[in-house]
Amino acid sequence: MMLKPSLLAIATLLATQDVSAQLLQRDLGNYNLQFGTSPARTMAQGLVKPATSDTVHGGLDVSSDSGWYFGQWTPSMGLTAATSMEIDTYTGFKNSFTQHLGYEVGVIHYTFPDLATSDSHEVYAGLTILNTRFGAAFSDDPGRHDSTLFADLGKLPLLDFGVRMKVGNHQLDTPYTIGDGSEVRGFSDWSVQLSRAFMGVDLNLIYSGSSLGGASCEAYSGQNTSCDGTLLLQAQRSLF
């Protein structure tokens, strides 16, 4: 693709500057151009988020007033022995039927030029109804198939808590054999997050878990940091 050399040049140029996140923006007629070392967008109402795995990364995003967008994001340039180059190319369409009803659809193609690994892709969609957001993503990676559903229900009446939920299903092409000889062909996982601001501090209570447990947890490779049921309390406050 013609954009690949341009993207790599942009990422390399920005890497010579401050490595902190940067995002430059410019309007070109009916189009908006953004590029830099910080991802320009998230997809499917925040469900699909570009990752960064190297000290040198960058991307380019082009969107039109009609709702169509296209871009490339390179989370890793593969400049160290422990990393490899990855190029994520995406395109999608985002628009609104009314002020309170909007939608988004798109696809991402993941390319790994330095590896023998096959390319993969992910299809995603999002829906906004009033203050509620829903997202869905379906990926076809080498050796596995993953699907994820996301819901941001906004703030609950009376309690003033924000509620977010995520459910995933993961199917393995080749069963994972654990120590006792049994096989894991697939599993599900989930998380529920309650959020509330209190005296300038953002409080998050997160419960996560999966359908695996005990010895079968060694086969876990889902969206949570742990296979077992986990309850986590986070407190964040901006210093500036």
C-alpha atoms as a PDB file:
ATOM      1  CA  MET A   1       0.000   0.000   0.000  1.00  0.00           C
ATOM      2  CA  MET A   2       1.165   3.519  -0.763  1.00  0.00           C
ATOM      3  CA  LEU A   3       0.372   4.735   2.737  1.00  0.00           C
ATOM      4  CA  LYS A   4       2.694   2.291   4.492  1.00  0.00           C
ATOM      5  CA  PRO A   5       5.992   4.067   3.700  1.00  0.00           C
ATOM      6  CA  SER A   6       4.378   7.406   4.576  1.00  0.00           C
ATOM      7  CA  LEU A   7       3.145   6.078   7.889  1.00  0.00           C
ATOM      8  CA  LEU A   8       6.523   4.637   8.791  1.00  0.00           C
ATOM      9  CA  ALA A   9       8.209   7.912   7.900  1.00  0.00           C
ATOM     10  CA  ILE A  10       5.777   9.850  10.092  1.00  0.00           C
ATOM     11  CA  ALA A  11       6.322   7.482  13.014  1.00  0.00           C
ATOM     12  CA  THR A  12      10.101   7.686  12.660  1.00  0.00           C
ATOM     13  CA  LEU A  13      10.005  11.472  12.449  1.00  0.00           C
ATOM     14  CA  LEU A  14       7.872  11.772  15.558  1.00  0.00           C
ATOM     15  CA  ALA A  15      10.099   9.313  17.396  1.00  0.00           C
ATOM     16  CA  THR A  16      12.983  11.777  17.125  1.00  0.00           C
ATOM     17  CA  GLN A  17      10.902  14.261  19.091  1.00  0.00           C
ATOM     18  CA  ASP A  18       9.490  13.909  22.582  1.00  0.00           C
ATOM     19  CA  VAL A  19       8.204  10.333  22.979  1.00  0.00           C
ATOM     20  CA  SER A  20       5.178  11.549  24.939  1.00  0.00           C
ATOM     21  CA  ALA A  21       1.838  11.256  23.155  1.00  0.00           C
ATOM     22  CA  GLN A  22       1.380  13.737  20.317  1.00  0.00           C
ATOM     23  CA  LEU A  23      -1.476  14.213  17.884  1.00  0.00           C
ATOM     24  CA  LEU A  24      -1.446  16.730  15.062  1.00  0.00           C
ATOM     25  CA  GLN A  25      -4.647  17.695  13.261  1.00  0.00           C
ATOM     26  CA  ARG A  26      -5.476  19.531  10.052  1.00  0.00           C
ATOM     27  CA  ASP A  27      -8.671  20.131   8.063  1.00  0.00           C
ATOM     28  CA  LEU A  28      -8.486  19.619   4.301  1.00  0.00           C
ATOM     29  CA  GLY A  29     -11.809  20.666   2.800  1.00  0.00           C
ATOM     30  CA  ASN A  30     -14.401  18.083   3.854  1.00  0.00           C
ATOM     31  CA  TYR A  31     -11.721  15.852   5.351  1.00  0.00           C
ATOM     32  CA  ASN A  32      -9.966  15.841   8.707  1.00  0.00           C
ATOM     33  CA  LEU A  33      -6.387  14.548   8.913  1.00  0.00           C
ATOM     34  CA  GLN A  34      -4.788  13.456  12.186  1.00  0.00           C
ATOM     35  CA  PHE A  35      -1.397  11.872  12.722  1.00  0.00           C
ATOM     36  CA  GLY A  36       1.005  11.402  15.596  1.00  0.00           C
ATOM     37  CA  THR A  37       2.213   9.072  18.323  1.00  0.00           C
ATOM     38  CA  SER A  38      -1.171   8.906  20.054  1.00  0.00           C
ATOM     39  CA  PRO A  39      -4.096   6.884  18.596  1.00  0.00           C
ATOM     40  CA  ALA A  40      -6.558   9.194  16.848  1.00  0.00           C
ATOM     41  CA  ARG A  41      -9.686   7.190  17.669  1.00  0.00           C
ATOM     42  CA  THR A  42     -11.261   4.215  19.402  1.00  0.00           C
ATOM     43  CA  MET A  43     -13.911   2.074  17.728  1.00  0.00           C
ATOM     44  CA  ALA A  44     -17.193   0.390  18.665  1.00  0.00           C
ATOM     45  CA  GLN A  45     -17.966   2.884  21.444  1.00  0.00           C
ATOM     46  CA  GLY A  46     -14.563   2.393  23.045  1.00  0.00           C
ATOM     47  CA  LEU A  47     -14.504  -1.413  22.876  1.00  0.00           C
ATOM     48  CA  VAL A  48     -11.725  -1.539  20.257  1.00  0.00           C
ATOM     49  CA  LYS A  49      -8.689   0.467  21.354  1.00  0.00           C
ATOM     50  CA  PRO A  50      -5.384   0.670  19.439  1.00  0.00           C
ATOM     51  CA  ALA A  51      -2.490  -0.710  21.481  1.00  0.00           C
ATOM     52  CA  THR A  52       1.100   0.473  21.860  1.00  0.00           C
ATOM     53  CA  SER A  53       3.893  -2.023  22.427  1.00  0.00           C
ATOM     54  CA  ASP A  54       7.075  -0.156  21.531  1.00  0.00           C
ATOM     55  CA  THR A  55       8.793   3.131  22.291  1.00  0.00           C
ATOM     56  CA  VAL A  56       8.314   4.071  18.629  1.00  0.00           C
ATOM     57  CA  HIS A  57       4.762   4.044  17.310  1.00  0.00           C
ATOM     58  CA  GLY A  58       2.553   6.273  15.201  1.00  0.00           C
ATOM     59  CA  GLY A  59      -0.455   6.501  12.967  1.00  0.00           C
ATOM     60  CA  LEU A  60      -2.527   8.374  10.428  1.00  0.00           C
ATOM     61  CA  ASP A  61      -6.303   8.890  10.459  1.00  0.00           C
ATOM     62  CA  VAL A  62      -8.481  10.462   7.752  1.00  0.00           C
ATOM     63  CA  SER A  63     -12.194  11.128   8.266  1.00  0.00           C
ATOM     64  CA  SER A  64     -14.846  12.848   6.163  1.00  0.00           C
ATOM     65  CA  ASP A  65     -17.890  14.914   7.067  1.00  0.00           C
ATOM     66  CA  SER A  66     -20.082  12.094   5.728  1.00  0.00           C
ATOM     67  CA  GLY A  67     -18.909   9.752   8.518  1.00  0.00           C
ATOM     68  CA  TRP A  68     -16.475   7.592   6.555  1.00  0.00           C
ATOM     69  CA  TYR A  69     -12.961   7.173   7.975  1.00  0.00           C
ATOM     70  CA  PHE A  70      -9.742   5.352   7.144  1.00  0.00           C
ATOM     71  CA  GLY A  71      -6.404   5.020   8.871  1.00  0.00           C
ATOM     72  CA  GLN A  72      -3.283   3.088   9.729  1.00  0.00           C
ATOM     73  CA  TRP A  73      -1.788   2.619  13.166  1.00  0.00           C
ATOM     74  CA  THR A  74       1.614   1.074  13.887  1.00  0.00           C
ATOM     75  CA  PRO A  75       1.765   0.025  17.555  1.00  0.00           C
ATOM     76  CA  SER A  76       5.303  -1.285  17.122  1.00  0.00           C
ATOM     77  CA  MET A  77       8.062  -0.489  14.635  1.00  0.00           C
ATOM     78  CA  GLY A  78      10.000  -3.601  15.654  1.00  0.00           C
ATOM     79  CA  LEU A  79      13.217  -1.721  16.335  1.00  0.00           C
ATOM     80  CA  THR A  80      14.310  -3.979  19.201  1.00  0.00           C
ATOM     81  CA  ALA A  81      15.060  -7.689  19.266  1.00  0.00           C
ATOM     82  CA  ALA A  82      12.096  -8.339  21.561  1.00  0.00           C
ATOM     83  CA  THR A  83       9.537  -6.658  19.282  1.00  0.00           C
ATOM     84  CA  SER A  84       8.306  -7.020  15.708  1.00  0.00           C
ATOM     85  CA  MET A  85       6.611  -4.638  13.326  1.00  0.00           C
ATOM     86  CA  GLU A  86       2.814  -4.512  13.282  1.00  0.00           C
ATOM     87  CA  ILE A  87       0.627  -2.421  10.960  1.00  0.00           C
ATOM     88  CA  ASP A  88      -3.102  -2.077  11.657  1.00  0.00           C
ATOM     89  CA  THR A  89      -5.192  -0.765   8.761  1.00  0.00           C
ATOM     90  CA  TYR A  90      -8.799   0.155   9.431  1.00  0.00           C
ATOM     91  CA  THR A  91     -11.809   1.645   7.709  1.00  0.00           C
ATOM     92  CA  GLY A  92     -15.303   2.330   8.957  1.00  0.00           C
ATOM     93  CA  PHE A  93     -18.400   4.477   8.891  1.00  0.00           C
ATOM     94  CA  LYS A  94     -19.863   6.395  11.836  1.00  0.00           C
ATOM     95  CA  ASN A  95     -23.059   8.425  11.709  1.00  0.00           C
ATOM     96  CA  SER A  96     -26.257   9.313  13.572  1.00  0.00           C
ATOM     97  CA  PHE A  97     -29.898   8.764  12.693  1.00  0.00           C
ATOM     98  CA  THR A  98     -30.971  11.371  15.251  1.00  0.00           C
ATOM     99  CA  GLN A  99     -29.386  13.301  18.116  1.00  0.00           C
ATOM    100  CA  HIS A 100     -29.989  10.325  20.425  1.00  0.00           C
ATOM    101  CA  LEU A 101     -29.396   7.397  18.050  1.00  0.00           C
ATOM    102  CA  GLY A 102     -26.088   6.699  16.313  1.00  0.00           C
ATOM    103  CA  TYR A 103     -24.158   3.778  14.877  1.00  0.00           C
ATOM    104  CA  GLU A 104     -20.729   2.670  13.663  1.00  0.00           C
ATOM    105  CA  VAL A 105     -19.412  -0.254  11.594  1.00  0.00           C
ATOM    106  CA  GLY A 106     -15.888  -1.066  10.483  1.00  0.00           C
ATOM    107  CA  VAL A 107     -13.066  -3.547  10.024  1.00  0.00           C
ATOM    108  CA  ILE A 108      -9.380  -3.688  11.025  1.00  0.00           C
ATOM    109  CA  HIS A 109      -6.698  -5.678   9.194  1.00  0.00           C
ATOM    110  CA  TYR A 110      -3.635  -6.639  11.264  1.00  0.00           C
ATOM    111  CA  THR A 111      -0.368  -7.198   9.377  1.00  0.00           C
ATOM    112  CA  PHE A 112       2.949  -8.505  10.766  1.00  0.00           C
ATOM    113  CA  PRO A 113       5.605  -8.008   8.040  1.00  0.00           C
ATOM    114  CA  ASP A 114       8.477  -9.473  10.096  1.00  0.00           C
ATOM    115  CA  LEU A 115       6.686 -12.667  11.125  1.00  0.00           C
ATOM    116  CA  ALA A 116       5.511 -15.782   9.344  1.00  0.00           C
ATOM    117  CA  THR A 117       2.224 -15.380  11.229  1.00  0.00           C
ATOM    118  CA  SER A 118      -0.805 -14.995   8.998  1.00  0.00           C
ATOM    119  CA  ASP A 119      -2.579 -11.660   8.886  1.00  0.00           C
ATOM    120  CA  SER A 120      -5.784 -11.342  10.887  1.00  0.00           C
ATOM    121  CA  HIS A 121      -8.813  -9.093  10.902  1.00  0.00           C
ATOM    122  CA  GLU A 122     -11.480  -7.807  13.255  1.00  0.00           C
ATOM    123  CA  VAL A 123     -15.013  -6.664  12.451  1.00  0.00           C
ATOM    124  CA  TYR A 124     -16.683  -4.251  14.862  1.00  0.00           C
ATOM    125  CA  ALA A 125     -19.903  -2.296  15.355  1.00  0.00           C
ATOM    126  CA  GLY A 126     -21.244   0.246  17.815  1.00  0.00           C
ATOM    127  CA  LEU A 127     -24.624   1.679  18.753  1.00  0.00           C
ATOM    128  CA  THR A 128     -25.592   4.719  20.829  1.00  0.00           C
ATOM    129  CA  ILE A 129     -29.097   5.048  22.287  1.00  0.00           C
ATOM    130  CA  LEU A 130     -29.646   8.136  24.447  1.00  0.00           C
ATOM    131  CA  ASN A 131     -26.861   7.912  27.073  1.00  0.00           C
ATOM    132  CA  THR A 132     -26.308   4.173  26.603  1.00  0.00           C
ATOM    133  CA  ARG A 133     -23.524   2.770  24.418  1.00  0.00           C
ATOM    134  CA  PHE A 134     -23.138  -0.739  23.004  1.00  0.00           C
ATOM    135  CA  GLY A 135     -20.226  -2.286  21.128  1.00  0.00           C
ATOM    136  CA  ALA A 136     -19.406  -5.617  19.510  1.00  0.00           C
ATOM    137  CA  ALA A 137     -16.210  -7.004  17.988  1.00  0.00           C
ATOM    138  CA  PHE A 138     -15.448 -10.283  16.213  1.00  0.00           C
ATOM    139  CA  SER A 139     -11.857 -11.227  15.392  1.00  0.00           C
ATOM    140  CA  ASP A 140     -10.391 -14.068  13.359  1.00  0.00           C
ATOM    141  CA  ASP A 141      -6.816 -14.561  14.548  1.00  0.00           C
ATOM    142  CA  PRO A 142      -4.440 -17.419  13.691  1.00  0.00           C
ATOM    143  CA  GLY A 143      -5.454 -20.361  15.858  1.00  0.00           C
ATOM    144  CA  ARG A 144      -8.468 -18.757  17.517  1.00  0.00           C
ATOM    145  CA  HIS A 145     -11.725 -16.839  17.142  1.00  0.00           C
ATOM    146  CA  ASP A 146     -12.794 -14.160  19.626  1.00  0.00           C
ATOM    147  CA  SER A 147     -16.029 -12.248  20.094  1.00  0.00           C
ATOM    148  CA  THR A 148     -16.724  -9.490  22.614  1.00  0.00           C
ATOM    149  CA  LEU A 149     -19.834  -7.557  23.627  1.00  0.00           C
ATOM    150  CA  PHE A 150     -19.650  -4.280  25.541  1.00  0.00           C
ATOM    151  CA  ALA A 151     -22.285  -2.112  27.219  1.00  0.00           C
ATOM    152  CA  ASP A 152     -21.936   1.266  28.915  1.00  0.00           C
ATOM    153  CA  LEU A 153     -25.264   1.892  30.639  1.00  0.00           C
ATOM    154  CA  GLY A 154     -24.357   5.343  31.895  1.00  0.00           C
ATOM    155  CA  LYS A 155     -25.314   6.346  35.421  1.00  0.00           C
ATOM    156  CA  LEU A 156     -27.903   4.370  37.345  1.00  0.00           C
ATOM    157  CA  PRO A 157     -30.769   6.457  38.751  1.00  0.00           C
ATOM    158  CA  LEU A 158     -30.629   7.233  42.486  1.00  0.00           C
ATOM    159  CA  LEU A 159     -27.292   5.445  43.067  1.00  0.00           C
ATOM    160  CA  ASP A 160     -25.354   7.769  40.729  1.00  0.00           C
ATOM    161  CA  PHE A 161     -23.031   4.929  39.677  1.00  0.00           C
ATOM    162  CA  GLY A 162     -21.754   4.478  36.147  1.00  0.00           C
ATOM    163  CA  VAL A 163     -22.049   0.873  34.934  1.00  0.00           C
ATOM    164  CA  ARG A 164     -19.982  -0.867  32.251  1.00  0.00           C
ATOM    165  CA  MET A 165     -20.108  -4.545  31.314  1.00  0.00           C
ATOM    166  CA  LYS A 166     -18.050  -6.690  28.958  1.00  0.00           C
ATOM    167  CA  VAL A 167     -18.535 -10.329  27.930  1.00  0.00           C
ATOM    168  CA  GLY A 168     -16.183 -12.323  25.711  1.00  0.00           C
ATOM    169  CA  ASN A 169     -16.117 -15.753  24.099  1.00  0.00           C
ATOM    170  CA  HIS A 170     -12.911 -17.376  22.846  1.00  0.00           C
ATOM    171  CA  GLN A 171     -12.699 -20.513  20.694  1.00  0.00           C
ATOM    172  CA  LEU A 172      -9.387 -22.293  20.028  1.00  0.00           C
ATOM    173  CA  ASP A 173      -8.711 -24.068  16.726  1.00  0.00           C
ATOM    174  CA  THR A 174      -6.374 -26.483  18.507  1.00  0.00           C
ATOM    175  CA  PRO A 175      -7.487 -27.612  21.991  1.00  0.00           C
ATOM    176  CA  TYR A 176      -5.173 -26.675  24.855  1.00  0.00           C
ATOM    177  CA  THR A 177      -4.098 -29.738  26.842  1.00  0.00           C
ATOM    178  CA  ILE A 178      -3.602 -29.131  30.560  1.00  0.00           C
ATOM    179  CA  GLY A 179      -1.624 -31.171  33.077  1.00  0.00           C
ATOM    180  CA  ASP A 180      -4.279 -33.797  33.846  1.00  0.00           C
ATOM    181  CA  GLY A 181      -4.737 -34.588  30.149  1.00  0.00           C
ATOM    182  CA  SER A 182      -8.065 -32.801  29.723  1.00  0.00           C
ATOM    183  CA  GLU A 183      -8.544 -30.320  26.896  1.00  0.00           C
ATOM    184  CA  VAL A 184      -9.816 -26.762  26.757  1.00  0.00           C
ATOM    185  CA  ARG A 185     -11.443 -25.936  23.428  1.00  0.00           C
ATOM    186  CA  GLY A 186     -12.873 -22.577  24.414  1.00  0.00           C
ATOM    187  CA  PHE A 187     -13.901 -20.370  27.306  1.00  0.00           C
ATOM    188  CA  SER A 188     -15.824 -17.234  28.202  1.00  0.00           C
ATOM    189  CA  ASP A 189     -14.936 -14.280  30.399  1.00  0.00           C
ATOM    190  CA  TRP A 190     -16.644 -11.167  31.703  1.00  0.00           C
ATOM    191  CA  SER A 191     -16.204  -8.000  33.727  1.00  0.00           C
ATOM    192  CA  VAL A 192     -18.494  -5.488  35.445  1.00  0.00           C
ATOM    193  CA  GLN A 193     -17.319  -2.009  36.418  1.00  0.00           C
ATOM    194  CA  LEU A 194     -19.049   0.448  38.756  1.00  0.00           C
ATOM    195  CA  SER A 195     -17.708   4.009  38.658  1.00  0.00           C
ATOM    196  CA  ARG A 196     -18.340   7.118  40.703  1.00  0.00           C
ATOM    197  CA  ALA A 197     -16.598  10.414  41.370  1.00  0.00           C
ATOM    198  CA  PHE A 198     -16.115  11.275  45.049  1.00  0.00           C
ATOM    199  CA  MET A 199     -14.417  14.445  46.310  1.00  0.00           C
ATOM    200  CA  GLY A 200     -12.376  14.807  43.139  1.00  0.00           C
ATOM    201  CA  VAL A 201     -11.374  11.132  43.061  1.00  0.00           C
ATOM    202  CA  ASP A 202     -12.580   8.687  40.385  1.00  0.00           C
ATOM    203  CA  LEU A 203     -13.514   5.413  42.092  1.00  0.00           C
ATOM    204  CA  ASN A 204     -13.852   2.180  40.086  1.00  0.00           C
ATOM    205  CA  LEU A 205     -15.003  -1.159  41.470  1.00  0.00           C
ATOM    206  CA  ILE A 206     -14.337  -3.951  38.961  1.00  0.00           C
ATOM    207  CA  TYR A 207     -15.340  -7.595  39.169  1.00  0.00           C
ATOM    208  CA  SER A 208     -13.976  -9.982  36.536  1.00  0.00           C
ATOM    209  CA  GLY A 209     -14.042 -13.725  36.028  1.00  0.00           C
ATOM    210  CA  SER A 210     -14.089 -16.548  33.496  1.00  0.00           C
ATOM    211  CA  SER A 211     -15.559 -19.982  32.868  1.00  0.00           C
ATOM    212  CA  LEU A 212     -12.173 -21.562  33.632  1.00  0.00           C
ATOM    213  CA  GLY A 213     -10.871 -22.401  37.074  1.00  0.00           C
ATOM    214  CA  GLY A 214      -8.224 -24.394  38.889  1.00  0.00           C
ATOM    215  CA  ALA A 215      -5.735 -26.188  36.647  1.00  0.00           C
ATOM    216  CA  SER A 216      -7.586 -25.136  33.485  1.00  0.00           C
ATOM    217  CA  CYS A 217      -6.586 -21.514  34.142  1.00  0.00           C
ATOM    218  CA  GLU A 218      -3.267 -22.200  32.424  1.00  0.00           C
ATOM    219  CA  ALA A 219      -5.215 -22.181  29.144  1.00  0.00           C
ATOM    220  CA  TYR A 220      -6.639 -18.721  29.798  1.00  0.00           C
ATOM    221  CA  SER A 221      -5.738 -15.973  27.309  1.00  0.00           C
ATOM    222  CA  GLY A 222      -8.718 -13.649  27.416  1.00  0.00           C
ATOM    223  CA  GLN A 223      -9.446  -9.998  28.108  1.00  0.00           C
ATOM    224  CA  ASN A 224      -8.947 -10.030  31.897  1.00  0.00           C
ATOM    225  CA  THR A 225      -5.666  -9.998  33.791  1.00  0.00           C
ATOM    226  CA  SER A 226      -6.646 -13.114  35.731  1.00  0.00           C
ATOM    227  CA  CYS A 227      -8.621 -16.279  35.036  1.00  0.00           C
ATOM    228  CA  ASP A 228     -10.175 -16.536  38.505  1.00  0.00           C
ATOM    229  CA  GLY A 229     -12.855 -14.255  39.900  1.00  0.00           C
ATOM    230  CA  THR A 230     -11.212 -10.981  40.931  1.00  0.00           C
ATOM    231  CA  LEU A 231     -12.541  -7.903  42.721  1.00  0.00           C
ATOM    232  CA  LEU A 232     -10.496  -4.736  42.183  1.00  0.00           C
ATOM    233  CA  LEU A 233     -10.906  -1.247  43.648  1.00  0.00           C
ATOM    234  CA  GLN A 234      -9.226   1.635  41.821  1.00  0.00           C
ATOM    235  CA  ALA A 235      -8.897   5.257  42.898  1.00  0.00           C
ATOM    236  CA  GLN A 236      -7.584   7.887  40.488  1.00  0.00           C
ATOM    237  CA  ARG A 237      -7.144  11.618  40.827  1.00  0.00           C
ATOM    238  CA  SER A 238      -5.796  14.108  38.322  1.00  0.00           C
ATOM    239  CA  LEU A 239      -2.940  16.209  39.640  1.00  0.00           C
ATOM    240  CA  PHE A 240      -3.536  19.027  37.157  1.00  0.00           C
END
